[in-house]
Amino acid sequence: RERATRMVFEVREQTGTRTGSISKVADQLGVHREALRTWVRQ
């Protein structure tokens, strides 16, 4: 959970946009997108 949320924030920082970052990281780590979205929101 911690690694995935950290990766989402890193992708957002690198790309400068919020769109697609959760989907990209979720696919890379094999995590359900909605679960990751909930972790990022929290």
PDB file of all heavy atoms in Angstrom:
ATOM      1  N   ARG A   1       0.831  -1.204   0.000  1.00  0.00           N
ATOM      2  CA  ARG A   1       0.000   0.000   0.000  1.00  0.00           C
ATOM      3  C   ARG A   1       0.866   1.255   0.000  1.00  0.00           C
ATOM      4  O   ARG A   1       0.641   2.177  -0.787  1.00  0.00           O
ATOM      5  CB  ARG A   1      -0.898   0.024   1.231  1.00  0.00           C
ATOM      6  CG  ARG A   1      -1.971  -1.015   1.246  1.00  0.00           C
ATOM      7  CD  ARG A   1      -2.644  -1.049   2.604  1.00  0.00           C
ATOM      8  NE  ARG A   1      -3.612  -2.099   2.671  1.00  0.00           N
ATOM      9  CZ  ARG A   1      -4.915  -1.896   2.875  1.00  0.00           C
ATOM     10  NH1 ARG A   1      -5.370  -0.693   3.074  1.00  0.00           N
ATOM     11  NH2 ARG A   1      -5.751  -2.905   2.896  1.00  0.00           N
ATOM     12  N   GLU A   2       1.849   1.270   0.887  1.00  0.00           N
ATOM     13  CA  GLU A   2       2.721   2.443   0.980  1.00  0.00           C
ATOM     14  C   GLU A   2       3.521   2.643  -0.299  1.00  0.00           C
ATOM     15  O   GLU A   2       3.651   3.766  -0.792  1.00  0.00           O
ATOM     16  CB  GLU A   2       3.661   2.286   2.177  1.00  0.00           C
ATOM     17  CG  GLU A   2       2.949   2.327   3.508  1.00  0.00           C
ATOM     18  CD  GLU A   2       3.829   1.902   4.667  1.00  0.00           C
ATOM     19  OE1 GLU A   2       5.057   1.735   4.475  1.00  0.00           O
ATOM     20  OE2 GLU A   2       3.284   1.726   5.774  1.00  0.00           O
ATOM     21  N   ARG A   3       4.044   1.555  -0.833  1.00  0.00           N
ATOM     22  CA  ARG A   3       4.836   1.645  -2.058  1.00  0.00           C
ATOM     23  C   ARG A   3       3.976   2.131  -3.220  1.00  0.00           C
ATOM     24  O   ARG A   3       4.400   2.983  -4.006  1.00  0.00           O
ATOM     25  CB  ARG A   3       5.427   0.273  -2.375  1.00  0.00           C
ATOM     26  CG  ARG A   3       6.249   0.244  -3.630  1.00  0.00           C
ATOM     27  CD  ARG A   3       6.894  -1.123  -3.810  1.00  0.00           C
ATOM     28  NE  ARG A   3       7.476  -1.204  -5.123  1.00  0.00           N
ATOM     29  CZ  ARG A   3       7.433  -2.277  -5.891  1.00  0.00           C
ATOM     30  NH1 ARG A   3       6.852  -3.369  -5.454  1.00  0.00           N
ATOM     31  NH2 ARG A   3       7.990  -2.281  -7.068  1.00  0.00           N
ATOM     32  N   ALA A   4       2.776   1.594  -3.343  1.00  0.00           N
ATOM     33  CA  ALA A   4       1.891   1.969  -4.446  1.00  0.00           C
ATOM     34  C   ALA A   4       1.503   3.442  -4.368  1.00  0.00           C
ATOM     35  O   ALA A   4       1.533   4.144  -5.387  1.00  0.00           O
ATOM     36  CB  ALA A   4       0.648   1.081  -4.438  1.00  0.00           C
ATOM     37  N   THR A   5       1.139   3.920  -3.190  1.00  0.00           N
ATOM     38  CA  THR A   5       0.767   5.334  -3.069  1.00  0.00           C
ATOM     39  C   THR A   5       1.968   6.237  -3.350  1.00  0.00           C
ATOM     40  O   THR A   5       1.832   7.267  -4.010  1.00  0.00           O
ATOM     41  CB  THR A   5       0.189   5.653  -1.680  1.00  0.00           C
ATOM     42  OG1 THR A   5       1.092   5.221  -0.675  1.00  0.00           O
ATOM     43  CG2 THR A   5      -1.148   4.990  -1.467  1.00  0.00           C
ATOM     44  N   ARG A   6       3.122   5.836  -2.876  1.00  0.00           N
ATOM     45  CA  ARG A   6       4.336   6.618  -3.150  1.00  0.00           C
ATOM     46  C   ARG A   6       4.609   6.668  -4.654  1.00  0.00           C
ATOM     47  O   ARG A   6       4.955   7.722  -5.208  1.00  0.00           O
ATOM     48  CB  ARG A   6       5.517   6.007  -2.392  1.00  0.00           C
ATOM     49  CG  ARG A   6       6.732   6.874  -2.338  1.00  0.00           C
ATOM     50  CD  ARG A   6       7.812   6.345  -1.403  1.00  0.00           C
ATOM     51  NE  ARG A   6       8.102   4.919  -1.589  1.00  0.00           N
ATOM     52  CZ  ARG A   6       7.841   3.970  -0.708  1.00  0.00           C
ATOM     53  NH1 ARG A   6       7.281   4.269   0.454  1.00  0.00           N
ATOM     54  NH2 ARG A   6       8.144   2.716  -0.955  1.00  0.00           N
ATOM     55  N   MET A   7       4.416   5.534  -5.335  1.00  0.00           N
ATOM     56  CA  MET A   7       4.630   5.495  -6.777  1.00  0.00           C
ATOM     57  C   MET A   7       3.646   6.393  -7.519  1.00  0.00           C
ATOM     58  O   MET A   7       4.028   7.067  -8.489  1.00  0.00           O
ATOM     59  CB  MET A   7       4.517   4.055  -7.290  1.00  0.00           C
ATOM     60  CG  MET A   7       5.715   3.195  -6.955  1.00  0.00           C
ATOM     61  SD  MET A   7       5.513   1.470  -7.481  1.00  0.00           S
ATOM     62  CE  MET A   7       5.531   1.642  -9.263  1.00  0.00           C
ATOM     63  N   VAL A   8       2.399   6.440  -7.080  1.00  0.00           N
ATOM     64  CA  VAL A   8       1.402   7.311  -7.718  1.00  0.00           C
ATOM     65  C   VAL A   8       1.832   8.765  -7.588  1.00  0.00           C
ATOM     66  O   VAL A   8       1.788   9.530  -8.569  1.00  0.00           O
ATOM     67  CB  VAL A   8      -0.002   7.099  -7.114  1.00  0.00           C
ATOM     68  CG1 VAL A   8      -0.965   8.183  -7.566  1.00  0.00           C
ATOM     69  CG2 VAL A   8      -0.539   5.733  -7.473  1.00  0.00           C
ATOM     70  N   PHE A   9       2.275   9.162  -6.401  1.00  0.00           N
ATOM     71  CA  PHE A   9       2.713  10.544  -6.218  1.00  0.00           C
ATOM     72  C   PHE A   9       3.945  10.851  -7.070  1.00  0.00           C
ATOM     73  O   PHE A   9       4.071  11.948  -7.615  1.00  0.00           O
ATOM     74  CB  PHE A   9       2.992  10.835  -4.739  1.00  0.00           C
ATOM     75  CG  PHE A   9       1.739  10.861  -3.895  1.00  0.00           C
ATOM     76  CD1 PHE A   9       1.662  10.115  -2.728  1.00  0.00           C
ATOM     77  CD2 PHE A   9       0.650  11.621  -4.265  1.00  0.00           C
ATOM     78  CE1 PHE A   9       0.522  10.139  -1.951  1.00  0.00           C
ATOM     79  CE2 PHE A   9      -0.504  11.641  -3.491  1.00  0.00           C
ATOM     80  CZ  PHE A   9      -0.568  10.899  -2.337  1.00  0.00           C
ATOM     81  N   GLU A  10       4.854   9.884  -7.218  1.00  0.00           N
ATOM     82  CA  GLU A  10       6.038  10.083  -8.053  1.00  0.00           C
ATOM     83  C   GLU A  10       5.660  10.228  -9.518  1.00  0.00           C
ATOM     84  O   GLU A  10       6.195  11.092 -10.220  1.00  0.00           O
ATOM     85  CB  GLU A  10       7.018   8.919  -7.869  1.00  0.00           C
ATOM     86  CG  GLU A  10       7.697   8.906  -6.527  1.00  0.00           C
ATOM     87  CD  GLU A  10       8.505   7.637  -6.280  1.00  0.00           C
ATOM     88  OE1 GLU A  10       8.552   6.756  -7.169  1.00  0.00           O
ATOM     89  OE2 GLU A  10       9.088   7.526  -5.181  1.00  0.00           O
ATOM     90  N   VAL A  11       4.730   9.394  -9.999  1.00  0.00           N
ATOM     91  CA  VAL A  11       4.280   9.481 -11.391  1.00  0.00           C
ATOM     92  C   VAL A  11       3.600  10.824 -11.632  1.00  0.00           C
ATOM     93  O   VAL A  11       3.833  11.477 -12.664  1.00  0.00           O
ATOM     94  CB  VAL A  11       3.346   8.302 -11.746  1.00  0.00           C
ATOM     95  CG1 VAL A  11       2.650   8.526 -13.075  1.00  0.00           C
ATOM     96  CG2 VAL A  11       4.119   6.999 -11.747  1.00  0.00           C
ATOM     97  N   ARG A  12       2.787  11.252 -10.690  1.00  0.00           N
ATOM     98  CA  ARG A  12       2.128  12.555 -10.831  1.00  0.00           C
ATOM     99  C   ARG A  12       3.143  13.682 -10.893  1.00  0.00           C
ATOM    100  O   ARG A  12       2.981  14.630 -11.660  1.00  0.00           O
ATOM    101  CB  ARG A  12       1.168  12.794  -9.662  1.00  0.00           C
ATOM    102  CG  ARG A  12      -0.090  12.000  -9.745  1.00  0.00           C
ATOM    103  CD  ARG A  12      -0.998  12.300  -8.579  1.00  0.00           C
ATOM    104  NE  ARG A  12      -2.233  11.535  -8.651  1.00  0.00           N
ATOM    105  CZ  ARG A  12      -3.168  11.544  -7.720  1.00  0.00           C
ATOM    106  NH1 ARG A  12      -3.003  12.265  -6.631  1.00  0.00           N
ATOM    107  NH2 ARG A  12      -4.259  10.828  -7.868  1.00  0.00           N
ATOM    108  N   GLU A  13       4.181  13.581 -10.086  1.00  0.00           N
ATOM    109  CA  GLU A  13       5.218  14.612 -10.071  1.00  0.00           C
ATOM    110  C   GLU A  13       6.001  14.613 -11.381  1.00  0.00           C
ATOM    111  O   GLU A  13       6.311  15.672 -11.923  1.00  0.00           O
ATOM    112  CB  GLU A  13       6.160  14.348  -8.898  1.00  0.00           C
ATOM    113  CG  GLU A  13       7.143  15.459  -8.628  1.00  0.00           C
ATOM    114  CD  GLU A  13       7.966  15.160  -7.390  1.00  0.00           C
ATOM    115  OE1 GLU A  13       7.379  15.039  -6.303  1.00  0.00           O
ATOM    116  OE2 GLU A  13       9.196  15.041  -7.537  1.00  0.00           O
ATOM    117  N   GLN A  14       6.296  13.434 -11.904  1.00  0.00           N
ATOM    118  CA  GLN A  14       7.070  13.330 -13.142  1.00  0.00           C
ATOM    119  C   GLN A  14       6.282  13.816 -14.350  1.00  0.00           C
ATOM    120  O   GLN A  14       6.820  14.518 -15.204  1.00  0.00           O
ATOM    121  CB  GLN A  14       7.511  11.884 -13.380  1.00  0.00           C
ATOM    122  CG  GLN A  14       8.563  11.405 -12.426  1.00  0.00           C
ATOM    123  CD  GLN A  14       8.810   9.907 -12.548  1.00  0.00           C
ATOM    124  OE1 GLN A  14       8.137   9.209 -13.309  1.00  0.00           O
ATOM    125  NE2 GLN A  14       9.776   9.405 -11.777  1.00  0.00           N
ATOM    126  N   THR A  15       5.017  13.430 -14.429  1.00  0.00           N
ATOM    127  CA  THR A  15       4.217  13.783 -15.603  1.00  0.00           C
ATOM    128  C   THR A  15       3.564  15.150 -15.471  1.00  0.00           C
ATOM    129  O   THR A  15       3.196  15.746 -16.478  1.00  0.00           O
ATOM    130  CB  THR A  15       3.118  12.737 -15.856  1.00  0.00           C
ATOM    131  OG1 THR A  15       2.246  12.688 -14.728  1.00  0.00           O
ATOM    132  CG2 THR A  15       3.720  11.380 -16.128  1.00  0.00           C
ATOM    133  N   GLY A  16       3.388  15.618 -14.256  1.00  0.00           N
ATOM    134  CA  GLY A  16       2.744  16.908 -14.047  1.00  0.00           C
ATOM    135  C   GLY A  16       1.236  16.858 -14.169  1.00  0.00           C
ATOM    136  O   GLY A  16       0.575  17.884 -14.211  1.00  0.00           O
ATOM    137  N   THR A  17       0.679  15.669 -14.256  1.00  0.00           N
ATOM    138  CA  THR A  17      -0.766  15.522 -14.379  1.00  0.00           C
ATOM    139  C   THR A  17      -1.247  14.398 -13.469  1.00  0.00           C
ATOM    140  O   THR A  17      -0.496  13.481 -13.141  1.00  0.00           O
ATOM    141  CB  THR A  17      -1.178  15.235 -15.839  1.00  0.00           C
ATOM    142  OG1 THR A  17      -2.595  15.115 -15.888  1.00  0.00           O
ATOM    143  CG2 THR A  17      -0.539  13.979 -16.363  1.00  0.00           C
ATOM    144  N   ARG A  18      -2.524  14.475 -13.086  1.00  0.00           N
ATOM    145  CA  ARG A  18      -3.086  13.470 -12.199  1.00  0.00           C
ATOM    146  C   ARG A  18      -3.727  12.319 -12.975  1.00  0.00           C
ATOM    147  O   ARG A  18      -3.887  11.236 -12.458  1.00  0.00           O
ATOM    148  CB  ARG A  18      -4.160  14.108 -11.317  1.00  0.00           C
ATOM    149  CG  ARG A  18      -3.608  15.115 -10.341  1.00  0.00           C
ATOM    150  CD  ARG A  18      -4.726  15.810  -9.589  1.00  0.00           C
ATOM    151  NE  ARG A  18      -5.595  14.898  -8.887  1.00  0.00           N
ATOM    152  CZ  ARG A  18      -5.545  14.658  -7.583  1.00  0.00           C
ATOM    153  NH1 ARG A  18      -4.662  15.281  -6.844  1.00  0.00           N
ATOM    154  NH2 ARG A  18      -6.379  13.824  -7.018  1.00  0.00           N
ATOM    155  N   THR A  19      -4.103  12.569 -14.204  1.00  0.00           N
ATOM    156  CA  THR A  19      -4.836  11.564 -14.970  1.00  0.00           C
ATOM    157  C   THR A  19      -3.940  10.401 -15.372  1.00  0.00           C
ATOM    158  O   THR A  19      -2.820  10.585 -15.833  1.00  0.00           O
ATOM    159  CB  THR A  19      -5.448  12.186 -16.245  1.00  0.00           C
ATOM    160  OG1 THR A  19      -4.398  12.767 -17.011  1.00  0.00           O
ATOM    161  CG2 THR A  19      -6.468  13.247 -15.894  1.00  0.00           C
ATOM    162  N   GLY A  20      -4.441   9.211 -15.174  1.00  0.00           N
ATOM    163  CA  GLY A  20      -3.750   8.007 -15.595  1.00  0.00           C
ATOM    164  C   GLY A  20      -2.711   7.465 -14.645  1.00  0.00           C
ATOM    165  O   GLY A  20      -2.223   6.358 -14.840  1.00  0.00           O
ATOM    166  N   SER A  21      -2.342   8.232 -13.631  1.00  0.00           N
ATOM    167  CA  SER A  21      -1.277   7.775 -12.741  1.00  0.00           C
ATOM    168  C   SER A  21      -1.714   6.558 -11.922  1.00  0.00           C
ATOM    169  O   SER A  21      -0.947   5.607 -11.754  1.00  0.00           O
ATOM    170  CB  SER A  21      -0.817   8.901 -11.818  1.00  0.00           C
ATOM    171  OG  SER A  21      -1.892   9.391 -11.050  1.00  0.00           O
ATOM    172  N   ILE A  22      -2.943   6.558 -11.450  1.00  0.00           N
ATOM    173  CA  ILE A  22      -3.434   5.430 -10.647  1.00  0.00           C
ATOM    174  C   ILE A  22      -3.549   4.183 -11.515  1.00  0.00           C
ATOM    175  O   ILE A  22      -3.132   3.095 -11.108  1.00  0.00           O
ATOM    176  CB  ILE A  22      -4.769   5.781  -9.972  1.00  0.00           C
ATOM    177  CG1 ILE A  22      -4.527   6.845  -8.893  1.00  0.00           C
ATOM    178  CG2 ILE A  22      -5.421   4.544  -9.375  1.00  0.00           C
ATOM    179  CD1 ILE A  22      -5.764   7.331  -8.195  1.00  0.00           C
ATOM    180  N   SER A  23      -4.079   4.326 -12.711  1.00  0.00           N
ATOM    181  CA  SER A  23      -4.221   3.180 -13.611  1.00  0.00           C
ATOM    182  C   SER A  23      -2.866   2.581 -13.958  1.00  0.00           C
ATOM    183  O   SER A  23      -2.696   1.354 -13.968  1.00  0.00           O
ATOM    184  CB  SER A  23      -4.926   3.601 -14.897  1.00  0.00           C
ATOM    185  OG  SER A  23      -6.220   4.048 -14.614  1.00  0.00           O
ATOM    186  N   LYS A  24      -1.901   3.438 -14.226  1.00  0.00           N
ATOM    187  CA  LYS A  24      -0.573   2.979 -14.610  1.00  0.00           C
ATOM    188  C   LYS A  24       0.083   2.185 -13.474  1.00  0.00           C
ATOM    189  O   LYS A  24       0.580   1.078 -13.681  1.00  0.00           O
ATOM    190  CB  LYS A  24       0.307   4.176 -14.978  1.00  0.00           C
ATOM    191  CG  LYS A  24       1.682   3.782 -15.481  1.00  0.00           C
ATOM    192  CD  LYS A  24       2.560   5.009 -15.722  1.00  0.00           C
ATOM    193  CE  LYS A  24       2.076   5.762 -16.928  1.00  0.00           C
ATOM    194  NZ  LYS A  24       2.987   6.877 -17.285  1.00  0.00           N
ATOM    195  N   VAL A  25       0.052   2.740 -12.273  1.00  0.00           N
ATOM    196  CA  VAL A  25       0.678   2.070 -11.128  1.00  0.00           C
ATOM    197  C   VAL A  25      -0.089   0.804 -10.759  1.00  0.00           C
ATOM    198  O   VAL A  25       0.517  -0.226 -10.448  1.00  0.00           O
ATOM    199  CB  VAL A  25       0.783   3.031  -9.926  1.00  0.00           C
ATOM    200  CG1 VAL A  25       1.263   2.303  -8.686  1.00  0.00           C
ATOM    201  CG2 VAL A  25       1.717   4.187 -10.259  1.00  0.00           C
ATOM    202  N   ALA A  26      -1.408   0.852 -10.814  1.00  0.00           N
ATOM    203  CA  ALA A  26      -2.220  -0.328 -10.483  1.00  0.00           C
ATOM    204  C   ALA A  26      -1.904  -1.474 -11.433  1.00  0.00           C
ATOM    205  O   ALA A  26      -1.771  -2.621 -11.005  1.00  0.00           O
ATOM    206  CB  ALA A  26      -3.699   0.018 -10.533  1.00  0.00           C
ATOM    207  N   ASP A  27      -1.771  -1.171 -12.718  1.00  0.00           N
ATOM    208  CA  ASP A  27      -1.446  -2.210 -13.688  1.00  0.00           C
ATOM    209  C   ASP A  27      -0.038  -2.765 -13.458  1.00  0.00           C
ATOM    210  O   ASP A  27       0.189  -3.962 -13.581  1.00  0.00           O
ATOM    211  CB  ASP A  27      -1.576  -1.672 -15.108  1.00  0.00           C
ATOM    212  CG  ASP A  27      -3.028  -1.388 -15.483  1.00  0.00           C
ATOM    213  OD1 ASP A  27      -3.929  -1.920 -14.812  1.00  0.00           O
ATOM    214  OD2 ASP A  27      -3.245  -0.618 -16.445  1.00  0.00           O
ATOM    215  N   GLN A  28       0.904  -1.906 -13.108  1.00  0.00           N
ATOM    216  CA  GLN A  28       2.276  -2.346 -12.869  1.00  0.00           C
ATOM    217  C   GLN A  28       2.370  -3.288 -11.672  1.00  0.00           C
ATOM    218  O   GLN A  28       3.105  -4.274 -11.706  1.00  0.00           O
ATOM    219  CB  GLN A  28       3.204  -1.152 -12.611  1.00  0.00           C
ATOM    220  CG  GLN A  28       3.556  -0.355 -13.821  1.00  0.00           C
ATOM    221  CD  GLN A  28       4.419   0.861 -13.473  1.00  0.00           C
ATOM    222  OE1 GLN A  28       4.582   1.198 -12.302  1.00  0.00           O
ATOM    223  NE2 GLN A  28       4.941   1.508 -14.494  1.00  0.00           N
ATOM    224  N   LEU A  29       1.636  -2.965 -10.610  1.00  0.00           N
ATOM    225  CA  LEU A  29       1.749  -3.728  -9.374  1.00  0.00           C
ATOM    226  C   LEU A  29       0.701  -4.834  -9.231  1.00  0.00           C
ATOM    227  O   LEU A  29       0.734  -5.613  -8.281  1.00  0.00           O
ATOM    228  CB  LEU A  29       1.655  -2.791  -8.168  1.00  0.00           C
ATOM    229  CG  LEU A  29       2.772  -1.753  -8.051  1.00  0.00           C
ATOM    230  CD1 LEU A  29       2.520  -0.856  -6.857  1.00  0.00           C
ATOM    231  CD2 LEU A  29       4.129  -2.431  -7.933  1.00  0.00           C
ATOM    232  N   GLY A  30      -0.262  -4.885 -10.138  1.00  0.00           N
ATOM    233  CA  GLY A  30      -1.307  -5.897 -10.048  1.00  0.00           C
ATOM    234  C   GLY A  30      -2.288  -5.643  -8.914  1.00  0.00           C
ATOM    235  O   GLY A  30      -2.782  -6.568  -8.284  1.00  0.00           O
ATOM    236  N   VAL A  31      -2.561  -4.364  -8.675  1.00  0.00           N
ATOM    237  CA  VAL A  31      -3.477  -3.948  -7.614  1.00  0.00           C
ATOM    238  C   VAL A  31      -4.758  -3.440  -8.263  1.00  0.00           C
ATOM    239  O   VAL A  31      -4.725  -2.842  -9.348  1.00  0.00           O
ATOM    240  CB  VAL A  31      -2.825  -2.820  -6.772  1.00  0.00           C
ATOM    241  CG1 VAL A  31      -3.778  -2.294  -5.735  1.00  0.00           C
ATOM    242  CG2 VAL A  31      -1.552  -3.314  -6.132  1.00  0.00           C
ATOM    243  N   HIS A  32      -5.881  -3.671  -7.631  1.00  0.00           N
ATOM    244  CA  HIS A  32      -7.149  -3.172  -8.148  1.00  0.00           C
ATOM    245  C   HIS A  32      -7.139  -1.646  -8.125  1.00  0.00           C
ATOM    246  O   HIS A  32      -6.697  -1.027  -7.158  1.00  0.00           O
ATOM    247  CB  HIS A  32      -8.308  -3.709  -7.304  1.00  0.00           C
ATOM    248  CG  HIS A  32      -9.630  -3.537  -7.956  1.00  0.00           C
ATOM    249  ND1 HIS A  32     -10.355  -2.387  -7.835  1.00  0.00           N
ATOM    250  CD2 HIS A  32     -10.336  -4.364  -8.768  1.00  0.00           C
ATOM    251  CE1 HIS A  32     -11.481  -2.504  -8.531  1.00  0.00           C
ATOM    252  NE2 HIS A  32     -11.494  -3.697  -9.099  1.00  0.00           N
ATOM    253  N   ARG A  33      -7.610  -1.048  -9.204  1.00  0.00           N
ATOM    254  CA  ARG A  33      -7.552   0.421  -9.336  1.00  0.00           C
ATOM    255  C   ARG A  33      -8.314   1.154  -8.247  1.00  0.00           C
ATOM    256  O   ARG A  33      -7.853   2.164  -7.730  1.00  0.00           O
ATOM    257  CB  ARG A  33      -8.095   0.833 -10.707  1.00  0.00           C
ATOM    258  CG  ARG A  33      -7.179   0.449 -11.823  1.00  0.00           C
ATOM    259  CD  ARG A  33      -7.743   0.862 -13.162  1.00  0.00           C
ATOM    260  NE  ARG A  33      -6.835   0.410 -14.203  1.00  0.00           N
ATOM    261  CZ  ARG A  33      -7.197   0.183 -15.436  1.00  0.00           C
ATOM    262  NH1 ARG A  33      -8.451   0.368 -15.801  1.00  0.00           N
ATOM    263  NH2 ARG A  33      -6.321  -0.224 -16.321  1.00  0.00           N
ATOM    264  N   GLU A  34      -9.491   0.644  -7.911  1.00  0.00           N
ATOM    265  CA  GLU A  34     -10.290   1.326  -6.884  1.00  0.00           C
ATOM    266  C   GLU A  34      -9.638   1.228  -5.514  1.00  0.00           C
ATOM    267  O   GLU A  34      -9.730   2.159  -4.711  1.00  0.00           O
ATOM    268  CB  GLU A  34     -11.712   0.772  -6.848  1.00  0.00           C
ATOM    269  CG  GLU A  34     -12.576   1.245  -7.985  1.00  0.00           C
ATOM    270  CD  GLU A  34     -12.652   2.768  -8.085  1.00  0.00           C
ATOM    271  OE1 GLU A  34     -12.885   3.440  -7.055  1.00  0.00           O
ATOM    272  OE2 GLU A  34     -12.483   3.282  -9.203  1.00  0.00           O
ATOM    273  N   ALA A  35      -8.988   0.111  -5.241  1.00  0.00           N
ATOM    274  CA  ALA A  35      -8.269  -0.011  -3.971  1.00  0.00           C
ATOM    275  C   ALA A  35      -7.150   1.029  -3.911  1.00  0.00           C
ATOM    276  O   ALA A  35      -6.997   1.738  -2.915  1.00  0.00           O
ATOM    277  CB  ALA A  35      -7.694  -1.417  -3.816  1.00  0.00           C
ATOM    278  N   LEU A  36      -6.393   1.135  -4.992  1.00  0.00           N
ATOM    279  CA  LEU A  36      -5.306   2.107  -5.035  1.00  0.00           C
ATOM    280  C   LEU A  36      -5.839   3.529  -4.953  1.00  0.00           C
ATOM    281  O   LEU A  36      -5.270   4.371  -4.253  1.00  0.00           O
ATOM    282  CB  LEU A  36      -4.463   1.912  -6.295  1.00  0.00           C
ATOM    283  CG  LEU A  36      -3.260   2.831  -6.465  1.00  0.00           C
ATOM    284  CD1 LEU A  36      -2.342   2.775  -5.257  1.00  0.00           C
ATOM    285  CD2 LEU A  36      -2.501   2.484  -7.739  1.00  0.00           C
ATOM    286  N   ARG A  37      -6.937   3.792  -5.618  1.00  0.00           N
ATOM    287  CA  ARG A  37      -7.533   5.135  -5.567  1.00  0.00           C
ATOM    288  C   ARG A  37      -7.933   5.492  -4.129  1.00  0.00           C
ATOM    289  O   ARG A  37      -7.706   6.614  -3.663  1.00  0.00           O
ATOM    290  CB  ARG A  37      -8.748   5.194  -6.490  1.00  0.00           C
ATOM    291  CG  ARG A  37      -9.394   6.570  -6.549  1.00  0.00           C
ATOM    292  CD  ARG A  37     -10.471   6.659  -7.621  1.00  0.00           C
ATOM    293  NE  ARG A  37      -9.838   6.734  -8.928  1.00  0.00           N
ATOM    294  CZ  ARG A  37      -9.925   5.800  -9.874  1.00  0.00           C
ATOM    295  NH1 ARG A  37     -10.621   4.700  -9.652  1.00  0.00           N
ATOM    296  NH2 ARG A  37      -9.334   5.936 -11.036  1.00  0.00           N
ATOM    297  N   THR A  38      -8.466   4.527  -3.411  1.00  0.00           N
ATOM    298  CA  THR A  38      -8.835   4.752  -2.010  1.00  0.00           C
ATOM    299  C   THR A  38      -7.608   5.038  -1.159  1.00  0.00           C
ATOM    300  O   THR A  38      -7.616   5.935  -0.324  1.00  0.00           O
ATOM    301  CB  THR A  38      -9.580   3.519  -1.461  1.00  0.00           C
ATOM    302  OG1 THR A  38     -10.730   3.272  -2.268  1.00  0.00           O
ATOM    303  CG2 THR A  38      -9.999   3.722  -0.023  1.00  0.00           C
ATOM    304  N   TRP A  39      -6.533   4.276  -1.382  1.00  0.00           N
ATOM    305  CA  TRP A  39      -5.298   4.494  -0.618  1.00  0.00           C
ATOM    306  C   TRP A  39      -4.707   5.866  -0.889  1.00  0.00           C
ATOM    307  O   TRP A  39      -4.251   6.539   0.024  1.00  0.00           O
ATOM    308  CB  TRP A  39      -4.249   3.442  -0.959  1.00  0.00           C
ATOM    309  CG  TRP A  39      -4.678   2.030  -0.764  1.00  0.00           C
ATOM    310  CD1 TRP A  39      -5.706   1.578   0.028  1.00  0.00           C
ATOM    311  CD2 TRP A  39      -4.108   0.876  -1.366  1.00  0.00           C
ATOM    312  NE1 TRP A  39      -5.801   0.213  -0.055  1.00  0.00           N
ATOM    313  CE2 TRP A  39      -4.834  -0.250  -0.904  1.00  0.00           C
ATOM    314  CE3 TRP A  39      -3.058   0.681  -2.252  1.00  0.00           C
ATOM    315  CZ2 TRP A  39      -4.522  -1.542  -1.301  1.00  0.00           C
ATOM    316  CZ3 TRP A  39      -2.748  -0.607  -2.651  1.00  0.00           C
ATOM    317  CH2 TRP A  39      -3.483  -1.708  -2.168  1.00  0.00           C
ATOM    318  N   VAL A  40      -4.752   6.277  -2.150  1.00  0.00           N
ATOM    319  CA  VAL A  40      -4.195   7.587  -2.520  1.00  0.00           C
ATOM    320  C   VAL A  40      -5.026   8.698  -1.887  1.00  0.00           C
ATOM    321  O   VAL A  40      -4.482   9.659  -1.339  1.00  0.00           O
ATOM    322  CB  VAL A  40      -4.123   7.739  -4.055  1.00  0.00           C
ATOM    323  CG1 VAL A  40      -3.799   9.167  -4.454  1.00  0.00           C
ATOM    324  CG2 VAL A  40      -3.087   6.781  -4.627  1.00  0.00           C
ATOM    325  N   ARG A  41      -6.344   8.572  -1.934  1.00  0.00           N
ATOM    326  CA  ARG A  41      -7.207   9.583  -1.303  1.00  0.00           C
ATOM    327  C   ARG A  41      -6.914   9.700   0.183  1.00  0.00           C
ATOM    328  O   ARG A  41      -6.830  10.797   0.732  1.00  0.00           O
ATOM    329  CB  ARG A  41      -8.674   9.239  -1.509  1.00  0.00           C
ATOM    330  CG  ARG A  41      -9.185   9.566  -2.862  1.00  0.00           C
ATOM    331  CD  ARG A  41     -10.679   9.365  -2.937  1.00  0.00           C
ATOM    332  NE  ARG A  41     -11.144   9.545  -4.295  1.00  0.00           N
ATOM    333  CZ  ARG A  41     -12.094   8.838  -4.855  1.00  0.00           C
ATOM    334  NH1 ARG A  41     -12.719   7.899  -4.171  1.00  0.00           N
ATOM    335  NH2 ARG A  41     -12.453   9.059  -6.092  1.00  0.00           N
ATOM    336  N   GLN A  42      -6.772   8.549   0.853  1.00  0.00           N
ATOM    337  CA  GLN A  42      -6.494   8.588   2.289  1.00  0.00           C
ATOM    338  C   GLN A  42      -5.124   9.190   2.562  1.00  0.00           C
ATOM    339  O   GLN A  42      -4.946   9.929   3.525  1.00  0.00           O
ATOM    340  CB  GLN A  42      -6.589   7.188   2.894  1.00  0.00           C
ATOM    341  CG  GLN A  42      -6.552   7.185   4.403  1.00  0.00           C
ATOM    342  CD  GLN A  42      -7.688   7.989   5.021  1.00  0.00           C
ATOM    343  OE1 GLN A  42      -8.850   7.819   4.666  1.00  0.00           O
ATOM    344  NE2 GLN A  42      -7.360   8.869   5.937  1.00  0.00           N
TER     345      GLN A  42
END
